[in-house]
């Protein structure tokens, strides 16, 4: 039987007119048979730091008071060999001229999601994708995304890519982890400063990976993979 993997996705500043000139997409993935164990590890870590297991990990919640917990969570990610993360950071979002390419903002968004997942999805494997619900249009968006991904992988029988399921991040530990790691990459990429807790997470990620979060890694990097996308002059 082909190996089965789960991919947990989150996104940041994905709306067209949100006044943020950078969009981030992130995906944590692992073998499906490791999900229960890894989720248990994260909940245990919450309790060890005095948080209820129902506490939702979010980049926007990070403050100096919870630094030890978040740093330990980053260490857990790097210590667990079955966990992987890929981020796509799309720059100059507000300068895009979609009409010049006969595309809508949503179609560009699907293109970026394809770029995020194409280095993860492989033939002879089976993947299920879980996407954090962002708005009321999520169902139609994930149907279109699945069609694009299946067609690009010649997966007309839907044997490589299974369902893309919309989930509530507060119920899914690995979506929460994706939120945290993506938040660190985007915060660093925007050149933001001033939150000591967030900076500690960034420093820990740089220490364990050996990478600057503001630069693209090799495409074949499996642990912490980052792709910085910048539009060509003709796209702006």
Foldseek 3Di string as FASTA:
>chain_A
DFFEKEKEKEKDPLDQPPPDQKIKIKIKMFTPVCQVVVLVVLLVLCVVQPHHSLDFAAQVPFAPVCLVSLLVVLVVLLVDPRIAMEMEMEGRSNVFDQVLVPHDSLVVVLVSVCVRCVLPFDPSHAYEYEYEDDDPCVVVSQVVSVVVNCVVVVVPVCRRYPYYHYDHSSVGPRNSVRNLVRSLLVCVLVVHDDGPSSVSSNVSNCVSPVDRSNDADPSNDTHYGYHYHYDDPSRD
